[in-house]
N, C-alpha and C. Protein backbone atom coordinates (compact mmCIF):
# COMPACT_ATOMS: atom_id res chain seq x y z
N GLU A 1 -63.25 -40.97 -32.10
CA GLU A 1 -63.05 -42.38 -32.37
C GLU A 1 -64.08 -42.86 -33.38
N VAL A 2 -63.63 -43.56 -34.38
CA VAL A 2 -64.52 -44.11 -35.39
C VAL A 2 -65.05 -45.46 -34.94
N GLN A 3 -66.36 -45.63 -35.06
CA GLN A 3 -66.97 -46.92 -34.76
C GLN A 3 -67.97 -47.26 -35.85
N LEU A 4 -67.95 -48.51 -36.28
CA LEU A 4 -68.87 -49.02 -37.28
C LEU A 4 -69.51 -50.28 -36.73
N GLN A 5 -70.83 -50.34 -36.77
CA GLN A 5 -71.56 -51.47 -36.20
C GLN A 5 -72.51 -52.01 -37.26
N ALA A 6 -72.19 -53.19 -37.79
CA ALA A 6 -73.01 -53.80 -38.83
C ALA A 6 -74.07 -54.71 -38.22
N SER A 7 -75.22 -54.78 -38.88
CA SER A 7 -76.30 -55.67 -38.43
C SER A 7 -77.19 -55.99 -39.63
N GLY A 8 -78.06 -56.97 -39.43
CA GLY A 8 -79.07 -57.27 -40.44
C GLY A 8 -78.85 -58.55 -41.22
N GLY A 9 -77.76 -59.24 -40.96
CA GLY A 9 -77.53 -60.49 -41.66
C GLY A 9 -78.54 -61.55 -41.26
N GLY A 10 -78.54 -62.66 -41.99
CA GLY A 10 -79.45 -63.74 -41.67
C GLY A 10 -79.44 -64.79 -42.75
N VAL A 11 -80.44 -65.65 -42.67
CA VAL A 11 -80.60 -66.73 -43.65
C VAL A 11 -81.83 -66.43 -44.49
N VAL A 12 -81.67 -66.53 -45.81
CA VAL A 12 -82.77 -66.23 -46.71
C VAL A 12 -82.71 -67.18 -47.89
N GLN A 13 -83.85 -67.46 -48.48
CA GLN A 13 -83.87 -68.31 -49.66
C GLN A 13 -83.45 -67.53 -50.90
N ALA A 14 -82.95 -68.23 -51.88
CA ALA A 14 -82.57 -67.61 -53.15
C ALA A 14 -83.75 -66.82 -53.71
N GLY A 15 -83.45 -65.63 -54.20
CA GLY A 15 -84.48 -64.75 -54.71
C GLY A 15 -85.03 -63.79 -53.67
N GLY A 16 -84.69 -64.01 -52.42
CA GLY A 16 -85.18 -63.16 -51.34
C GLY A 16 -84.37 -61.90 -51.16
N SER A 17 -84.72 -61.16 -50.12
CA SER A 17 -84.09 -59.87 -49.85
C SER A 17 -83.66 -59.77 -48.39
N LEU A 18 -82.63 -58.97 -48.19
CA LEU A 18 -82.18 -58.59 -46.85
C LEU A 18 -81.71 -57.14 -46.90
N ARG A 19 -81.78 -56.46 -45.75
CA ARG A 19 -81.20 -55.13 -45.66
C ARG A 19 -80.19 -55.10 -44.52
N LEU A 20 -78.97 -54.78 -44.87
CA LEU A 20 -77.93 -54.62 -43.87
C LEU A 20 -77.85 -53.16 -43.45
N SER A 21 -77.52 -52.95 -42.18
CA SER A 21 -77.34 -51.60 -41.65
C SER A 21 -75.94 -51.47 -41.07
N CYS A 22 -75.37 -50.29 -41.19
CA CYS A 22 -74.08 -49.99 -40.59
C CYS A 22 -74.22 -48.68 -39.82
N ALA A 23 -74.34 -48.78 -38.51
CA ALA A 23 -74.42 -47.59 -37.67
C ALA A 23 -73.01 -47.05 -37.44
N THR A 24 -72.84 -45.76 -37.65
CA THR A 24 -71.49 -45.19 -37.58
C THR A 24 -71.40 -44.06 -36.56
N SER A 25 -70.19 -43.84 -36.11
CA SER A 25 -69.88 -42.65 -35.33
C SER A 25 -68.47 -42.23 -35.69
N GLY A 26 -68.22 -40.93 -35.69
CA GLY A 26 -66.89 -40.43 -36.01
C GLY A 26 -66.59 -40.37 -37.49
N ILE A 27 -67.60 -40.61 -38.33
CA ILE A 27 -67.44 -40.60 -39.79
C ILE A 27 -68.13 -39.37 -40.37
N SER A 28 -67.49 -38.76 -41.37
CA SER A 28 -68.12 -37.65 -42.09
C SER A 28 -68.76 -38.19 -43.36
N PHE A 29 -70.07 -38.06 -43.45
CA PHE A 29 -70.75 -38.54 -44.64
C PHE A 29 -70.44 -37.66 -45.86
N ASP A 30 -69.96 -36.46 -45.62
CA ASP A 30 -69.61 -35.57 -46.73
C ASP A 30 -68.20 -35.85 -47.25
N ASP A 31 -67.31 -36.29 -46.39
CA ASP A 31 -65.89 -36.38 -46.75
C ASP A 31 -65.38 -37.81 -46.88
N ASP A 32 -66.06 -38.77 -46.30
CA ASP A 32 -65.56 -40.16 -46.27
C ASP A 32 -66.39 -41.07 -47.17
N ALA A 33 -65.77 -42.11 -47.66
CA ALA A 33 -66.47 -43.17 -48.37
C ALA A 33 -66.86 -44.25 -47.35
N ILE A 34 -68.07 -44.75 -47.49
CA ILE A 34 -68.55 -45.78 -46.58
C ILE A 34 -69.19 -46.86 -47.43
N GLY A 35 -68.92 -48.11 -47.09
CA GLY A 35 -69.51 -49.15 -47.91
C GLY A 35 -69.33 -50.53 -47.31
N TRP A 36 -69.45 -51.50 -48.18
CA TRP A 36 -69.51 -52.89 -47.75
C TRP A 36 -68.52 -53.75 -48.53
N PHE A 37 -67.92 -54.68 -47.80
CA PHE A 37 -67.12 -55.75 -48.38
C PHE A 37 -67.75 -57.07 -47.96
N ARG A 38 -67.39 -58.11 -48.66
CA ARG A 38 -67.81 -59.44 -48.22
C ARG A 38 -66.65 -60.40 -48.36
N GLN A 39 -66.72 -61.46 -47.56
CA GLN A 39 -65.63 -62.41 -47.54
C GLN A 39 -66.16 -63.82 -47.34
N VAL A 40 -65.63 -64.73 -48.15
CA VAL A 40 -65.92 -66.15 -47.97
C VAL A 40 -64.65 -66.82 -47.49
N PRO A 41 -64.76 -67.96 -46.83
CA PRO A 41 -63.57 -68.62 -46.28
C PRO A 41 -62.51 -68.86 -47.35
N GLY A 42 -61.28 -68.53 -47.01
CA GLY A 42 -60.16 -68.79 -47.91
C GLY A 42 -59.90 -67.72 -48.94
N LYS A 43 -60.71 -66.66 -48.93
CA LYS A 43 -60.54 -65.58 -49.91
C LYS A 43 -60.43 -64.24 -49.22
N GLY A 44 -59.90 -63.26 -49.95
CA GLY A 44 -59.81 -61.91 -49.43
C GLY A 44 -61.16 -61.22 -49.48
N ARG A 45 -61.21 -60.01 -48.95
CA ARG A 45 -62.46 -59.27 -48.91
C ARG A 45 -62.72 -58.59 -50.26
N GLU A 46 -63.94 -58.75 -50.73
CA GLU A 46 -64.37 -58.23 -52.03
C GLU A 46 -65.22 -56.99 -51.82
N GLY A 47 -64.86 -55.91 -52.46
CA GLY A 47 -65.66 -54.69 -52.39
C GLY A 47 -66.98 -54.89 -53.10
N VAL A 48 -68.08 -54.61 -52.42
CA VAL A 48 -69.40 -54.86 -52.95
C VAL A 48 -70.09 -53.56 -53.36
N ALA A 49 -70.15 -52.61 -52.46
CA ALA A 49 -70.84 -51.35 -52.72
C ALA A 49 -70.26 -50.27 -51.84
N CYS A 50 -70.34 -49.05 -52.34
CA CYS A 50 -69.73 -47.93 -51.63
C CYS A 50 -70.49 -46.66 -51.99
N ILE A 51 -70.55 -45.72 -51.04
CA ILE A 51 -71.17 -44.43 -51.29
C ILE A 51 -70.24 -43.36 -50.76
N TYR A 52 -70.14 -42.26 -51.48
CA TYR A 52 -69.13 -41.25 -51.14
C TYR A 52 -69.63 -39.84 -51.33
N GLY A 53 -69.34 -39.00 -50.37
CA GLY A 53 -69.49 -37.58 -50.53
C GLY A 53 -70.92 -37.07 -50.45
N SER A 54 -71.03 -35.74 -50.42
CA SER A 54 -72.34 -35.11 -50.29
C SER A 54 -73.23 -35.41 -51.51
N ALA A 55 -72.61 -35.67 -52.66
CA ALA A 55 -73.39 -36.01 -53.85
C ALA A 55 -73.83 -37.47 -53.85
N GLY A 56 -73.28 -38.23 -52.93
CA GLY A 56 -73.66 -39.63 -52.81
C GLY A 56 -73.30 -40.48 -54.01
N SER A 57 -72.12 -40.25 -54.58
CA SER A 57 -71.73 -41.09 -55.71
C SER A 57 -71.56 -42.53 -55.24
N GLU A 58 -71.95 -43.45 -56.09
CA GLU A 58 -72.03 -44.86 -55.70
C GLU A 58 -71.15 -45.74 -56.57
N PHE A 59 -70.70 -46.82 -55.98
CA PHE A 59 -69.98 -47.86 -56.70
C PHE A 59 -70.60 -49.20 -56.35
N TYR A 60 -70.72 -50.07 -57.37
CA TYR A 60 -71.18 -51.44 -57.17
C TYR A 60 -70.26 -52.38 -57.94
N SER A 61 -69.97 -53.51 -57.35
CA SER A 61 -69.21 -54.50 -58.09
C SER A 61 -70.10 -55.09 -59.18
N ASP A 62 -69.48 -55.66 -60.19
CA ASP A 62 -70.25 -56.27 -61.28
C ASP A 62 -71.15 -57.39 -60.76
N ALA A 63 -70.71 -58.06 -59.70
CA ALA A 63 -71.46 -59.20 -59.19
C ALA A 63 -72.80 -58.81 -58.57
N VAL A 64 -72.93 -57.57 -58.13
CA VAL A 64 -74.15 -57.18 -57.42
C VAL A 64 -74.90 -56.03 -58.11
N ALA A 65 -74.31 -55.42 -59.10
CA ALA A 65 -74.95 -54.28 -59.77
C ALA A 65 -76.32 -54.68 -60.29
N GLY A 66 -77.29 -53.83 -60.03
CA GLY A 66 -78.67 -54.10 -60.46
C GLY A 66 -79.48 -54.88 -59.45
N ARG A 67 -78.82 -55.44 -58.44
CA ARG A 67 -79.54 -56.19 -57.40
C ARG A 67 -79.40 -55.55 -56.02
N PHE A 68 -78.26 -54.96 -55.75
CA PHE A 68 -78.00 -54.32 -54.46
C PHE A 68 -78.08 -52.81 -54.62
N SER A 69 -78.46 -52.15 -53.52
CA SER A 69 -78.54 -50.70 -53.52
C SER A 69 -78.03 -50.16 -52.19
N ILE A 70 -77.11 -49.21 -52.25
CA ILE A 70 -76.56 -48.62 -51.04
C ILE A 70 -77.16 -47.24 -50.84
N SER A 71 -77.40 -46.89 -49.58
CA SER A 71 -77.93 -45.57 -49.26
C SER A 71 -77.40 -45.14 -47.90
N SER A 72 -77.51 -43.85 -47.65
CA SER A 72 -77.03 -43.34 -46.36
C SER A 72 -78.06 -42.40 -45.76
N ASP A 73 -78.10 -42.35 -44.45
CA ASP A 73 -78.97 -41.45 -43.70
C ASP A 73 -78.07 -40.63 -42.79
N GLY A 74 -77.86 -39.37 -43.16
CA GLY A 74 -76.97 -38.52 -42.39
C GLY A 74 -77.50 -38.14 -41.03
N VAL A 75 -78.79 -38.23 -40.84
CA VAL A 75 -79.39 -37.92 -39.53
C VAL A 75 -79.15 -39.08 -38.56
N LYS A 76 -79.35 -40.28 -39.06
CA LYS A 76 -79.15 -41.47 -38.23
C LYS A 76 -77.70 -41.96 -38.27
N ASN A 77 -76.86 -41.34 -39.11
CA ASN A 77 -75.47 -41.77 -39.25
C ASN A 77 -75.37 -43.26 -39.57
N THR A 78 -76.22 -43.68 -40.47
CA THR A 78 -76.32 -45.10 -40.81
C THR A 78 -76.27 -45.28 -42.32
N VAL A 79 -75.58 -46.32 -42.74
CA VAL A 79 -75.53 -46.70 -44.14
C VAL A 79 -76.24 -48.03 -44.30
N TYR A 80 -77.01 -48.16 -45.37
CA TYR A 80 -77.80 -49.36 -45.60
C TYR A 80 -77.35 -50.04 -46.89
N LEU A 81 -77.49 -51.35 -46.92
CA LEU A 81 -77.29 -52.11 -48.14
C LEU A 81 -78.53 -52.96 -48.35
N GLN A 82 -79.36 -52.55 -49.29
CA GLN A 82 -80.54 -53.32 -49.66
C GLN A 82 -80.13 -54.36 -50.68
N MET A 83 -80.34 -55.61 -50.34
CA MET A 83 -79.93 -56.72 -51.20
C MET A 83 -81.17 -57.45 -51.68
N ASN A 84 -81.43 -57.37 -52.97
CA ASN A 84 -82.56 -58.04 -53.59
C ASN A 84 -82.07 -59.12 -54.55
N GLY A 85 -82.95 -60.03 -54.87
CA GLY A 85 -82.58 -61.09 -55.82
C GLY A 85 -81.36 -61.87 -55.37
N LEU A 86 -81.32 -62.20 -54.08
CA LEU A 86 -80.13 -62.85 -53.54
C LEU A 86 -79.90 -64.23 -54.16
N LYS A 87 -78.63 -64.54 -54.33
CA LYS A 87 -78.21 -65.81 -54.92
C LYS A 87 -77.34 -66.57 -53.92
N PRO A 88 -77.26 -67.89 -54.04
CA PRO A 88 -76.38 -68.64 -53.13
C PRO A 88 -74.95 -68.12 -53.14
N GLU A 89 -74.47 -67.62 -54.25
CA GLU A 89 -73.10 -67.11 -54.31
C GLU A 89 -72.93 -65.77 -53.57
N ASP A 90 -74.01 -65.20 -53.09
CA ASP A 90 -73.91 -64.01 -52.25
C ASP A 90 -73.62 -64.37 -50.79
N THR A 91 -73.65 -65.66 -50.48
CA THR A 91 -73.36 -66.11 -49.11
C THR A 91 -71.95 -65.71 -48.72
N ALA A 92 -71.83 -64.99 -47.61
CA ALA A 92 -70.54 -64.48 -47.16
C ALA A 92 -70.73 -63.76 -45.84
N VAL A 93 -69.62 -63.41 -45.23
CA VAL A 93 -69.65 -62.47 -44.11
C VAL A 93 -69.50 -61.08 -44.71
N TYR A 94 -70.40 -60.20 -44.36
CA TYR A 94 -70.41 -58.84 -44.90
C TYR A 94 -69.88 -57.88 -43.83
N PHE A 95 -68.95 -57.02 -44.26
CA PHE A 95 -68.32 -56.05 -43.37
C PHE A 95 -68.61 -54.65 -43.88
N CYS A 96 -68.96 -53.73 -42.99
CA CYS A 96 -68.99 -52.34 -43.40
C CYS A 96 -67.62 -51.73 -43.12
N ALA A 97 -67.28 -50.74 -43.90
CA ALA A 97 -65.97 -50.12 -43.80
C ALA A 97 -66.06 -48.67 -44.23
N ALA A 98 -65.08 -47.89 -43.80
CA ALA A 98 -65.02 -46.48 -44.16
C ALA A 98 -63.61 -46.14 -44.62
N SER A 99 -63.55 -45.17 -45.52
CA SER A 99 -62.26 -44.79 -46.09
C SER A 99 -62.18 -43.29 -46.24
N GLU A 100 -61.00 -42.75 -46.10
CA GLU A 100 -60.78 -41.33 -46.32
C GLU A 100 -60.51 -41.02 -47.78
N THR A 101 -60.53 -42.06 -48.63
CA THR A 101 -60.42 -41.86 -50.07
C THR A 101 -61.78 -42.14 -50.71
N PRO A 102 -62.02 -41.64 -51.92
CA PRO A 102 -63.29 -41.93 -52.59
C PRO A 102 -63.45 -43.42 -52.87
N CYS A 103 -64.66 -43.81 -53.23
CA CYS A 103 -64.92 -45.21 -53.55
C CYS A 103 -64.03 -45.66 -54.71
N THR A 104 -63.91 -44.81 -55.71
CA THR A 104 -63.06 -45.13 -56.85
C THR A 104 -62.14 -43.94 -57.12
N TYR A 105 -60.91 -44.22 -57.46
CA TYR A 105 -59.96 -43.15 -57.77
C TYR A 105 -58.85 -43.72 -58.62
N TYR A 106 -58.11 -42.80 -59.27
CA TYR A 106 -57.03 -43.19 -60.17
C TYR A 106 -55.71 -42.84 -59.51
N SER A 107 -54.84 -43.84 -59.43
CA SER A 107 -53.54 -43.60 -58.82
C SER A 107 -52.53 -44.62 -59.33
N ARG A 108 -51.34 -44.16 -59.55
CA ARG A 108 -50.23 -45.03 -59.97
C ARG A 108 -50.60 -45.88 -61.18
N GLY A 109 -51.25 -45.23 -62.14
CA GLY A 109 -51.49 -45.88 -63.42
C GLY A 109 -52.71 -46.78 -63.51
N ARG A 110 -53.51 -46.83 -62.47
CA ARG A 110 -54.72 -47.65 -62.58
C ARG A 110 -55.83 -47.10 -61.69
N TYR A 111 -57.04 -47.57 -61.98
CA TYR A 111 -58.19 -47.20 -61.16
C TYR A 111 -58.30 -48.16 -59.97
N HIS A 112 -58.63 -47.61 -58.84
CA HIS A 112 -58.91 -48.39 -57.64
C HIS A 112 -60.41 -48.32 -57.41
N GLN A 113 -61.03 -49.47 -57.29
CA GLN A 113 -62.48 -49.51 -57.17
C GLN A 113 -62.85 -50.27 -55.90
N TRP A 114 -62.99 -49.51 -54.84
CA TRP A 114 -63.42 -50.00 -53.54
C TRP A 114 -62.71 -51.33 -53.19
N GLU A 115 -61.43 -51.22 -53.00
CA GLU A 115 -60.59 -52.36 -52.70
C GLU A 115 -60.29 -52.42 -51.21
N GLU A 116 -59.99 -53.62 -50.75
CA GLU A 116 -59.75 -53.85 -49.32
C GLU A 116 -58.68 -52.90 -48.78
N MET A 117 -57.67 -52.62 -49.57
CA MET A 117 -56.57 -51.79 -49.11
C MET A 117 -57.01 -50.34 -48.86
N GLN A 118 -58.15 -49.94 -49.43
CA GLN A 118 -58.61 -48.57 -49.26
C GLN A 118 -59.22 -48.32 -47.89
N ALA A 119 -59.74 -49.35 -47.27
CA ALA A 119 -60.48 -49.15 -46.03
C ALA A 119 -59.56 -48.74 -44.89
N ASP A 120 -59.96 -47.70 -44.20
CA ASP A 120 -59.22 -47.23 -43.03
C ASP A 120 -59.84 -47.73 -41.73
N TYR A 121 -61.13 -48.00 -41.78
CA TYR A 121 -61.84 -48.44 -40.58
C TYR A 121 -62.78 -49.59 -40.95
N TRP A 122 -62.90 -50.53 -40.03
CA TRP A 122 -63.73 -51.71 -40.26
C TRP A 122 -64.71 -51.90 -39.11
N GLY A 123 -65.90 -52.37 -39.48
CA GLY A 123 -66.85 -52.85 -38.49
C GLY A 123 -66.73 -54.36 -38.38
N GLN A 124 -67.48 -54.92 -37.46
CA GLN A 124 -67.48 -56.38 -37.36
C GLN A 124 -68.33 -56.95 -38.49
N GLY A 125 -68.21 -58.19 -38.78
CA GLY A 125 -68.96 -58.79 -39.87
C GLY A 125 -70.33 -59.26 -39.46
N THR A 126 -71.19 -59.42 -40.46
CA THR A 126 -72.50 -60.00 -40.25
C THR A 126 -72.70 -61.07 -41.33
N GLN A 127 -73.15 -62.24 -40.91
CA GLN A 127 -73.24 -63.37 -41.83
C GLN A 127 -74.52 -63.30 -42.65
N VAL A 128 -74.37 -63.48 -43.95
CA VAL A 128 -75.50 -63.60 -44.86
C VAL A 128 -75.42 -64.98 -45.51
N THR A 129 -76.48 -65.75 -45.38
CA THR A 129 -76.52 -67.09 -45.95
C THR A 129 -77.74 -67.18 -46.86
N VAL A 130 -77.50 -67.55 -48.10
CA VAL A 130 -78.58 -67.68 -49.08
C VAL A 130 -78.69 -69.15 -49.46
N SER A 131 -79.83 -69.73 -49.18
CA SER A 131 -80.04 -71.14 -49.48
C SER A 131 -80.69 -71.30 -50.84
N SER A 132 -80.33 -72.40 -51.50
CA SER A 132 -80.87 -72.63 -52.85
C SER A 132 -82.18 -73.41 -52.79
């Protein structure tokens, strides 16, 4: 059984940092993609960051590239999202998710880049609030 448990959300001032953790079970860090989505009220889930495979290939959305960093610990079966330089627009509920497909892949004429439809398993959300 796959289980994903997200933690680490909170309230932080703009420019601050937070680290989210996603404790996993039943996931293969070599074969599965694991990462984070975020969601604000009234919108769908946005893929933020993803890590895949034994080589640890990474994906970041344009909105967070250069500020967020994803990493994995195969011993602790945990994936982390280090968020630096936080902005008020980063305020959202953050979800960890896992997929049996890579973070990014080409299919049916286009590239898929860590999209909501790719996720096979979801953890519960953790709220991140960035005050200005």
